[in-house]
Amino acid sequence: MSKTTERQMVVGLDIGTSKVTALVGELLPDDDISVIGVGVTTARGMDKGGVNDLNLVVQSIQRAVDEAELMADCRIASVYLNISGRHISCQNESGMVPINEAEVTQDDVDNVIHAAQSVPIAKERRILHVLPQEYVIDSQESIRSPIGMSGVRMESKVHIITCANDMAKNITKAVERCGLQVDKLIFSALASSISVLTDDEKDLGVALVDMGGGTIDICIYAGGVLRHTAVIPAAGNQVTGDIAKIFRTPTNHAEQIKTEHACALRGLVSMEDTIEVPSVGGRPARMMSRHTLAEVVEPRYQELFELVRDEIVQSGLDEQIAAGVVLTGGSAKMQGCLEFAEEIFQMPVRIGKPLHVKGLKDYVEDPVYATAVGLLKYGQESSTASQQESSKTDVIGMWQKLQNWFKGEF
């Protein structure tokens, strides 16, 4: 623990349907972060982003954390944790307050955001994030930063992300059973967008599509701010299941075949290419055509991309995403995925990898680590903000002491 405190660590814990990733980041003096420890293990006890066997999830977390601690030579005490699942929902709200002073202060901003988030939320749900979109002062709209501006009343528009309380409690409980504290719960796609999207893409309008094992998580940005979030409870595990059933091979072998040989677009695969497919029950392995494998994979990827396209259209933001779609997550790495996505979406598509990573960058600059790196960057921003707040409080406290001293009250 002393090592962790001494070196100023931030830890991101990405609990997915197919894997658990723990990343340890060291905060550098230049407000940057360096990845110094990685722990990855197969996730057990998770289904479509939710916990279905608490003990198995605890074991998976412990293995990943132990591995990361060993590599980083530190003791992990708390983590920034992701959450996903079909229970995630979003809503755009607004609130209005009078401006107390001649110009807008931080207190006014805090009050107007509080007013916007004071909407009725069902008892079984909790607010994960309240993300400001823009402010309106009197008749002036689309204000990004209102502090210091003059006016009579101010309105804020915010994007609220909520989750099911029980789901949040279960995943938090799994982490706490490993003797760890949860600093903050963060929606998976929001974390991924922090690590893979550029400011230019957010300004132009972009859809971040994080394709995991159990869910596809979506964040849509327009005008530089988050406008829509969604979770589709279908992803890469469906493809693995199709391969296992049709080729009659165990699931672990089907996963290996998918990652090593599958292609999302059959037109990119030669008819002559063959692969070895292990059988079940001790039967001998068989040789199969790689083109046949692509014929199995392509319809499922088409279905997944069409679900994403429908979600983008239903959001009403399909005309506002000039930067196109950024695919990330493990299921986005498949050969042909990019070309097929461009064909379905009819807009520019790129594969998103974590940007501006230091330390173990060769290891973590991979779509698989998009969420985990995003959790680190979220933690870094939170840590920097709390340090600034702390130093501000210290300055105010010192000024108060000086005033008291002059008054003879010291």
Protein backbone atom coordinates (compact mmCIF):
# COMPACT_ATOMS: atom_id res chain seq x y z
CA MET A 1 0.00 0.00 0.00
CA SER A 2 2.81 2.40 0.83
CA LYS A 3 4.31 1.87 -2.61
CA THR A 4 0.99 2.72 -4.25
CA THR A 5 0.54 5.94 -2.28
CA GLU A 6 4.14 6.94 -2.76
CA ARG A 7 4.09 6.52 -6.54
CA GLN A 8 0.58 7.90 -7.15
CA MET A 9 -1.18 5.02 -8.87
CA VAL A 10 -4.47 4.73 -10.70
CA VAL A 11 -5.95 1.31 -11.47
CA GLY A 12 -8.53 0.48 -14.15
CA LEU A 13 -10.46 -2.79 -13.83
CA ASP A 14 -12.36 -3.86 -16.96
CA ILE A 15 -14.69 -6.78 -16.15
CA GLY A 16 -16.04 -8.01 -19.46
CA THR A 17 -18.05 -11.04 -20.51
CA SER A 18 -15.03 -12.84 -21.95
CA LYS A 19 -12.05 -11.39 -20.04
CA VAL A 20 -11.04 -9.40 -16.97
CA THR A 21 -8.29 -6.79 -17.42
CA ALA A 22 -6.50 -4.89 -14.66
CA LEU A 23 -4.23 -2.00 -15.69
CA VAL A 24 -1.99 -0.12 -13.26
CA GLY A 25 -1.06 3.41 -14.29
CA GLU A 26 1.49 5.70 -12.66
CA LEU A 27 0.63 9.42 -12.64
CA LEU A 28 3.53 11.38 -14.09
CA PRO A 29 4.49 14.97 -13.13
CA ASP A 30 3.47 16.28 -16.59
CA ASP A 31 -0.20 15.32 -16.00
CA ASP A 32 0.28 12.18 -18.06
CA ILE A 33 -0.09 8.51 -17.18
CA SER A 34 2.20 5.56 -17.77
CA VAL A 35 0.94 1.96 -17.85
CA ILE A 36 3.28 -0.07 -15.61
CA GLY A 37 1.24 -3.21 -14.88
CA VAL A 38 -1.16 -5.44 -16.83
CA GLY A 39 -3.19 -8.41 -15.65
CA VAL A 40 -5.51 -10.33 -17.99
CA THR A 41 -7.50 -13.46 -17.29
CA THR A 42 -10.49 -15.26 -18.82
CA ALA A 43 -13.74 -14.03 -17.29
CA ARG A 44 -15.92 -16.64 -15.64
CA GLY A 45 -19.32 -16.02 -14.12
CA MET A 46 -20.26 -13.11 -16.43
CA ASP A 47 -23.00 -13.01 -19.06
CA LYS A 48 -23.80 -10.06 -21.33
CA GLY A 49 -22.08 -7.64 -18.95
CA GLY A 50 -23.89 -8.93 -15.83
CA VAL A 51 -22.81 -11.19 -12.94
CA ASN A 52 -24.36 -14.67 -12.97
CA ASP A 53 -21.92 -16.43 -10.60
CA LEU A 54 -20.41 -14.14 -7.98
CA ASN A 55 -17.73 -16.56 -6.74
CA LEU A 56 -16.38 -17.23 -10.24
CA VAL A 57 -16.23 -13.49 -10.97
CA VAL A 58 -14.34 -12.88 -7.70
CA GLN A 59 -11.79 -15.55 -8.66
CA SER A 60 -11.30 -14.02 -12.12
CA ILE A 61 -10.82 -10.52 -10.66
CA GLN A 62 -8.33 -11.79 -8.09
CA ARG A 63 -6.20 -13.49 -10.75
CA ALA A 64 -6.08 -10.39 -12.96
CA VAL A 65 -5.30 -8.09 -10.01
CA ASP A 66 -2.56 -10.41 -8.69
CA GLU A 67 -0.93 -10.46 -12.13
CA ALA A 68 -1.05 -6.66 -12.45
CA GLU A 69 0.35 -6.18 -8.92
CA LEU A 70 3.23 -8.53 -9.68
CA MET A 71 4.15 -6.71 -12.89
CA ALA A 72 3.81 -3.21 -11.39
CA ASP A 73 5.46 -4.22 -8.07
CA CYS A 74 2.75 -2.49 -6.06
CA ARG A 75 -0.27 -3.15 -3.88
CA ILE A 76 -3.65 -2.30 -5.41
CA ALA A 77 -6.15 -0.79 -2.95
CA SER A 78 -8.84 0.76 -5.17
CA VAL A 79 -9.98 0.64 -8.80
CA TYR A 80 -11.98 2.51 -11.40
CA LEU A 81 -14.53 -0.07 -12.56
CA ASN A 82 -16.56 -0.41 -15.75
CA ILE A 83 -20.19 -1.46 -16.06
CA SER A 84 -22.27 -2.53 -19.06
CA GLY A 85 -25.38 -4.54 -19.89
CA ARG A 86 -28.81 -4.08 -21.41
CA HIS A 87 -29.94 -2.32 -18.19
CA ILE A 88 -27.91 0.79 -19.13
CA SER A 89 -30.11 3.64 -20.41
CA CYS A 90 -29.74 7.33 -21.19
CA GLN A 91 -31.80 10.50 -21.26
CA ASN A 92 -31.17 14.13 -22.18
CA GLU A 93 -32.50 16.64 -19.64
CA SER A 94 -32.30 20.38 -18.95
CA GLY A 95 -32.47 22.65 -15.89
CA MET A 96 -32.59 26.38 -15.24
CA VAL A 97 -31.44 28.65 -12.40
CA PRO A 98 -31.12 32.42 -11.85
CA ILE A 99 -27.57 33.81 -11.93
CA ASN A 100 -26.84 35.07 -8.40
CA GLU A 101 -24.00 37.50 -9.06
CA ALA A 102 -23.14 39.85 -11.90
CA GLU A 103 -21.41 36.99 -13.68
CA VAL A 104 -21.58 33.19 -13.72
CA THR A 105 -19.54 31.43 -11.01
CA GLN A 106 -18.68 27.75 -10.48
CA ASP A 107 -21.49 27.59 -7.87
CA ASP A 108 -24.01 28.68 -10.54
CA VAL A 109 -22.74 25.94 -12.87
CA ASP A 110 -23.00 23.34 -10.10
CA ASN A 111 -26.54 24.52 -9.25
CA VAL A 112 -27.81 24.41 -12.84
CA ILE A 113 -26.37 20.91 -13.41
CA HIS A 114 -27.99 19.79 -10.16
CA ALA A 115 -31.30 21.27 -11.37
CA ALA A 116 -30.99 19.37 -14.68
CA GLN A 117 -30.32 16.03 -12.98
CA SER A 118 -33.14 16.46 -10.46
CA VAL A 119 -35.50 14.36 -12.57
CA PRO A 120 -37.47 11.43 -11.15
CA ILE A 121 -35.38 8.25 -11.34
CA ALA A 122 -36.97 4.87 -10.57
CA LYS A 123 -36.03 3.43 -7.16
CA GLU A 124 -34.36 0.42 -8.75
CA ARG A 125 -32.04 2.64 -10.83
CA ARG A 126 -29.08 4.88 -10.07
CA ILE A 127 -27.37 7.71 -11.94
CA LEU A 128 -23.94 6.76 -13.29
CA HIS A 129 -23.00 9.95 -15.13
CA VAL A 130 -24.33 13.48 -15.59
CA LEU A 131 -22.45 14.92 -18.57
CA PRO A 132 -22.98 18.61 -19.46
CA GLN A 133 -23.71 19.20 -23.14
CA GLU A 134 -24.15 22.96 -23.40
CA TYR A 135 -25.40 26.04 -21.55
CA VAL A 136 -27.84 28.81 -22.47
CA ILE A 137 -27.52 32.25 -20.83
CA ASP A 138 -30.65 34.33 -21.47
CA SER A 139 -30.94 34.08 -25.27
CA GLN A 140 -27.36 33.05 -26.06
CA GLU A 141 -27.20 29.33 -26.89
CA SER A 142 -24.53 26.65 -27.36
CA ILE A 143 -22.16 27.97 -24.67
CA ARG A 144 -19.43 25.46 -23.75
CA SER A 145 -17.92 27.24 -20.72
CA PRO A 146 -20.21 29.81 -19.05
CA ILE A 147 -17.99 30.86 -16.09
CA GLY A 148 -17.35 34.61 -16.11
CA MET A 149 -20.19 35.42 -18.52
CA SER A 150 -22.97 37.88 -17.60
CA GLY A 151 -26.69 37.23 -17.62
CA VAL A 152 -29.90 36.88 -15.62
CA ARG A 153 -30.69 33.19 -15.91
CA MET A 154 -28.83 30.12 -17.11
CA GLU A 155 -30.03 26.82 -18.53
CA SER A 156 -27.97 23.64 -18.81
CA LYS A 157 -28.53 20.65 -21.06
CA VAL A 158 -27.10 17.37 -19.77
CA HIS A 159 -26.81 13.74 -20.81
CA ILE A 160 -27.71 11.36 -17.98
CA ILE A 161 -26.62 7.70 -18.00
CA THR A 162 -28.36 5.39 -15.53
CA CYS A 163 -28.03 1.72 -14.60
CA ALA A 164 -29.90 -0.90 -12.61
CA ASN A 165 -29.00 -0.60 -8.92
CA ASP A 166 -28.82 -4.36 -8.36
CA MET A 167 -26.44 -4.85 -11.31
CA ALA A 168 -24.16 -2.11 -9.97
CA LYS A 169 -24.26 -3.62 -6.46
CA ASN A 170 -23.38 -7.11 -7.72
CA ILE A 171 -20.34 -6.08 -9.75
CA THR A 172 -19.16 -3.77 -6.94
CA LYS A 173 -19.61 -6.59 -4.41
CA ALA A 174 -17.41 -8.89 -6.53
CA VAL A 175 -14.61 -6.30 -6.45
CA GLU A 176 -15.00 -5.61 -2.72
CA ARG A 177 -14.74 -9.34 -1.96
CA CYS A 178 -11.20 -9.12 -3.35
CA GLY A 179 -10.41 -6.53 -0.66
CA LEU A 180 -10.57 -3.63 -3.12
CA GLN A 181 -12.47 -0.35 -3.02
CA VAL A 182 -14.36 0.98 -6.07
CA ASP A 183 -13.42 4.62 -6.71
CA LYS A 184 -16.06 5.10 -9.41
CA LEU A 185 -18.33 3.06 -11.70
CA ILE A 186 -17.98 4.10 -15.35
CA PHE A 187 -20.03 3.07 -18.37
CA SER A 188 -17.78 0.91 -20.59
CA ALA A 189 -18.31 2.79 -23.87
CA LEU A 190 -17.69 6.15 -22.17
CA ALA A 191 -14.33 4.83 -20.93
CA SER A 192 -13.51 3.50 -24.41
CA SER A 193 -14.39 6.83 -26.03
CA ILE A 194 -11.97 8.63 -23.66
CA SER A 195 -9.11 6.41 -24.84
CA VAL A 196 -9.75 6.05 -28.61
CA LEU A 197 -11.61 9.16 -29.88
CA THR A 198 -10.00 12.45 -30.89
CA ASP A 199 -11.49 15.88 -30.13
CA ASP A 200 -11.87 16.51 -33.88
CA GLU A 201 -14.01 13.38 -34.25
CA LYS A 202 -16.23 14.41 -31.34
CA ASP A 203 -16.67 17.90 -32.83
CA LEU A 204 -17.54 16.55 -36.29
CA GLY A 205 -19.80 13.87 -34.86
CA VAL A 206 -18.83 10.23 -34.39
CA ALA A 207 -20.30 6.91 -33.23
CA LEU A 208 -18.04 4.87 -30.92
CA VAL A 209 -18.97 1.18 -31.16
CA ASP A 210 -17.24 -1.06 -28.59
CA MET A 211 -17.68 -4.67 -29.72
CA GLY A 212 -16.98 -6.98 -26.79
CA GLY A 213 -17.77 -10.60 -26.10
CA GLY A 214 -21.26 -10.21 -24.59
CA THR A 215 -22.41 -6.69 -25.50
CA ILE A 216 -21.91 -3.93 -28.05
CA ASP A 217 -21.68 -0.58 -26.26
CA ILE A 218 -22.38 2.62 -28.19
CA CYS A 219 -21.62 6.31 -27.57
CA ILE A 220 -22.65 8.92 -30.14
CA TYR A 221 -21.01 12.36 -30.06
CA ALA A 222 -22.11 15.45 -31.99
CA GLY A 223 -20.87 19.01 -31.60
CA GLY A 224 -18.14 17.85 -29.22
CA VAL A 225 -20.46 16.35 -26.58
CA LEU A 226 -22.12 13.03 -25.83
CA ARG A 227 -25.67 12.90 -27.18
CA HIS A 228 -26.68 9.23 -27.00
CA THR A 229 -25.60 5.97 -25.35
CA ALA A 230 -26.90 2.43 -25.79
CA VAL A 231 -26.06 -1.24 -25.17
CA ILE A 232 -26.91 -4.07 -27.57
CA PRO A 233 -26.92 -7.43 -25.71
CA ALA A 234 -25.28 -9.36 -28.56
CA ALA A 235 -21.63 -9.50 -29.68
CA GLY A 236 -18.62 -11.71 -30.36
CA ASN A 237 -19.75 -14.67 -28.23
CA GLN A 238 -22.60 -15.28 -30.68
CA VAL A 239 -20.02 -15.75 -33.44
CA THR A 240 -18.07 -18.20 -31.24
CA GLY A 241 -21.30 -20.12 -30.54
CA ASP A 242 -22.10 -20.36 -34.26
CA ILE A 243 -18.63 -21.77 -35.02
CA ALA A 244 -18.87 -24.27 -32.13
CA LYS A 245 -22.27 -25.61 -33.27
CA ILE A 246 -21.73 -25.69 -37.02
CA PHE A 247 -18.19 -27.09 -36.90
CA ARG A 248 -18.98 -29.33 -33.90
CA THR A 249 -15.97 -28.20 -31.90
CA PRO A 250 -15.60 -27.24 -28.19
CA THR A 251 -16.23 -23.57 -27.35
CA ASN A 252 -12.61 -22.86 -26.36
CA HIS A 253 -11.41 -24.19 -29.74
CA ALA A 254 -14.16 -22.26 -31.52
CA GLU A 255 -12.90 -19.05 -29.86
CA GLN A 256 -9.35 -19.82 -30.97
CA ILE A 257 -10.49 -20.54 -34.54
CA LYS A 258 -12.43 -17.26 -34.56
CA THR A 259 -9.51 -15.13 -33.38
CA GLU A 260 -6.87 -16.83 -35.55
CA HIS A 261 -8.64 -17.73 -38.80
CA ALA A 262 -12.09 -16.11 -39.12
CA CYS A 263 -12.92 -13.34 -41.59
CA ALA A 264 -16.08 -11.20 -41.50
CA LEU A 265 -16.23 -10.91 -45.30
CA ARG A 266 -16.12 -14.13 -47.33
CA GLY A 267 -14.96 -12.28 -50.46
CA LEU A 268 -11.57 -11.68 -48.82
CA VAL A 269 -10.86 -15.40 -48.26
CA SER A 270 -9.34 -17.79 -50.79
CA MET A 271 -11.27 -21.00 -51.54
CA GLU A 272 -8.02 -22.98 -51.18
CA ASP A 273 -7.24 -21.97 -47.57
CA THR A 274 -7.86 -24.75 -45.04
CA ILE A 275 -7.79 -24.93 -41.24
CA GLU A 276 -7.66 -27.75 -38.73
CA VAL A 277 -10.79 -28.07 -36.55
CA PRO A 278 -10.53 -30.11 -33.31
CA SER A 279 -13.45 -32.48 -32.70
CA VAL A 280 -15.28 -33.43 -29.50
CA GLY A 281 -15.18 -36.71 -27.57
CA GLY A 282 -11.67 -37.71 -28.63
CA ARG A 283 -12.57 -37.90 -32.33
CA PRO A 284 -9.78 -36.98 -34.77
CA ALA A 285 -9.46 -33.37 -35.95
CA ARG A 286 -10.82 -32.46 -39.40
CA MET A 287 -9.61 -30.14 -42.14
CA MET A 288 -12.16 -27.49 -43.15
CA SER A 289 -12.20 -24.70 -45.71
CA ARG A 290 -11.50 -21.20 -44.33
CA HIS A 291 -14.01 -19.89 -46.86
CA THR A 292 -16.71 -22.06 -45.22
CA LEU A 293 -15.76 -20.49 -41.88
CA ALA A 294 -16.23 -17.02 -43.38
CA GLU A 295 -19.66 -18.10 -44.69
CA VAL A 296 -20.64 -18.88 -41.08
CA VAL A 297 -19.19 -15.65 -39.62
CA GLU A 298 -20.38 -13.14 -42.23
CA PRO A 299 -24.17 -13.41 -41.59
CA ARG A 300 -23.66 -12.95 -37.84
CA TYR A 301 -21.47 -9.86 -38.32
CA GLN A 302 -24.04 -8.52 -40.76
CA GLU A 303 -26.73 -8.95 -38.11
CA LEU A 304 -24.59 -7.22 -35.46
CA PHE A 305 -23.73 -4.28 -37.74
CA GLU A 306 -27.39 -3.89 -38.74
CA LEU A 307 -28.39 -3.73 -35.05
CA VAL A 308 -25.80 -0.96 -34.55
CA ARG A 309 -26.98 0.87 -37.68
CA ASP A 310 -30.61 0.69 -36.49
CA GLU A 311 -29.60 2.11 -33.09
CA ILE A 312 -27.76 5.01 -34.75
CA VAL A 313 -30.78 5.77 -36.95
CA GLN A 314 -33.21 5.54 -34.00
CA SER A 315 -31.06 8.03 -32.05
CA GLY A 316 -31.83 10.61 -34.76
CA LEU A 317 -28.14 11.49 -34.98
CA ASP A 318 -27.25 9.55 -38.15
CA GLU A 319 -27.01 12.78 -40.17
CA GLN A 320 -24.74 14.40 -37.57
CA ILE A 321 -21.84 11.92 -37.47
CA ALA A 322 -19.62 13.25 -40.24
CA ALA A 323 -16.54 11.52 -38.79
CA GLY A 324 -18.31 8.17 -39.20
CA VAL A 325 -17.92 5.14 -36.95
CA VAL A 326 -15.01 4.06 -34.75
CA LEU A 327 -15.01 0.33 -33.96
CA THR A 328 -13.09 -0.93 -30.95
CA GLY A 329 -13.09 -3.92 -28.61
CA GLY A 330 -11.88 -7.46 -29.25
CA SER A 331 -14.56 -8.35 -31.83
CA ALA A 332 -13.50 -5.39 -34.00
CA LYS A 333 -10.09 -6.98 -34.66
CA MET A 334 -11.36 -9.66 -37.05
CA GLN A 335 -10.11 -9.57 -40.63
CA GLY A 336 -12.66 -7.96 -42.95
CA CYS A 337 -14.50 -6.26 -40.09
CA LEU A 338 -13.55 -2.75 -41.25
CA GLU A 339 -14.48 -3.33 -44.91
CA PHE A 340 -17.78 -5.00 -44.01
CA ALA A 341 -18.69 -2.21 -41.56
CA GLU A 342 -18.12 0.45 -44.24
CA GLU A 343 -20.36 -1.53 -46.57
CA ILE A 344 -23.19 -1.73 -44.00
CA PHE A 345 -22.92 1.77 -42.48
CA GLN A 346 -22.18 3.57 -45.76
CA MET A 347 -19.84 5.97 -43.95
CA PRO A 348 -16.15 6.15 -42.95
CA VAL A 349 -15.07 3.53 -40.40
CA ARG A 350 -11.79 3.07 -38.52
CA ILE A 351 -10.56 0.62 -35.89
CA GLY A 352 -9.94 2.50 -32.63
CA LYS A 353 -6.87 1.79 -30.50
CA PRO A 354 -5.96 3.61 -27.26
CA LEU A 355 -4.22 6.91 -28.06
CA HIS A 356 -1.36 8.72 -26.29
CA VAL A 357 -0.37 5.77 -24.11
CA LYS A 358 2.96 5.72 -22.26
CA GLY A 359 4.76 2.87 -20.54
CA LEU A 360 3.69 -0.54 -21.83
CA LYS A 361 2.31 1.03 -25.01
CA ASP A 362 3.29 -1.85 -27.33
CA TYR A 363 1.18 -4.12 -25.14
CA VAL A 364 -1.91 -1.98 -24.60
CA GLU A 365 -2.22 -0.11 -27.93
CA ASP A 366 -4.81 -2.66 -28.99
CA PRO A 367 -8.63 -2.40 -29.36
CA VAL A 368 -8.96 -5.08 -26.65
CA TYR A 369 -7.62 -2.58 -24.06
CA ALA A 370 -9.77 0.40 -25.10
CA THR A 371 -12.03 0.27 -22.02
CA ALA A 372 -9.24 -0.49 -19.53
CA VAL A 373 -7.04 2.39 -20.79
CA GLY A 374 -10.11 4.67 -20.76
CA LEU A 375 -10.71 3.78 -17.10
CA LEU A 376 -7.11 4.78 -16.33
CA LYS A 377 -7.52 8.11 -18.12
CA TYR A 378 -10.83 8.74 -16.33
CA GLY A 379 -9.09 8.01 -13.03
CA GLN A 380 -6.22 10.32 -13.95
CA GLU A 381 -8.64 13.19 -14.71
CA SER A 382 -10.52 12.57 -11.43
CA SER A 383 -7.27 12.47 -9.46
CA THR A 384 -6.01 15.70 -11.05
CA ALA A 385 -9.36 17.43 -10.40
CA SER A 386 -9.42 16.34 -6.73
CA GLN A 387 -5.80 17.52 -6.25
CA GLN A 388 -6.69 20.93 -7.71
CA GLU A 389 -9.74 21.11 -5.45
CA SER A 390 -7.60 20.14 -2.45
CA SER A 391 -4.94 22.78 -3.18
CA LYS A 392 -7.70 25.38 -3.70
CA THR A 393 -9.16 24.45 -0.28
CA ASP A 394 -5.67 24.72 1.27
CA VAL A 395 -5.22 28.23 -0.15
CA ILE A 396 -8.66 29.32 1.14
CA GLY A 397 -7.85 27.82 4.56
CA MET A 398 -4.52 29.66 4.71
CA TRP A 399 -6.19 32.95 3.73
CA GLN A 400 -8.79 32.42 6.46
CA LYS A 401 -6.05 31.81 9.02
CA LEU A 402 -4.26 35.03 7.97
CA GLN A 403 -7.49 37.00 8.27
CA ASN A 404 -8.13 35.54 11.73
CA TRP A 405 -4.55 36.33 12.75
CA PHE A 406 -4.97 39.99 11.73
CA LYS A 407 -8.21 40.08 13.70
CA GLY A 408 -6.40 38.66 16.72
CA GLU A 409 -8.39 35.41 16.58
CA PHE A 410 -5.52 33.09 15.70
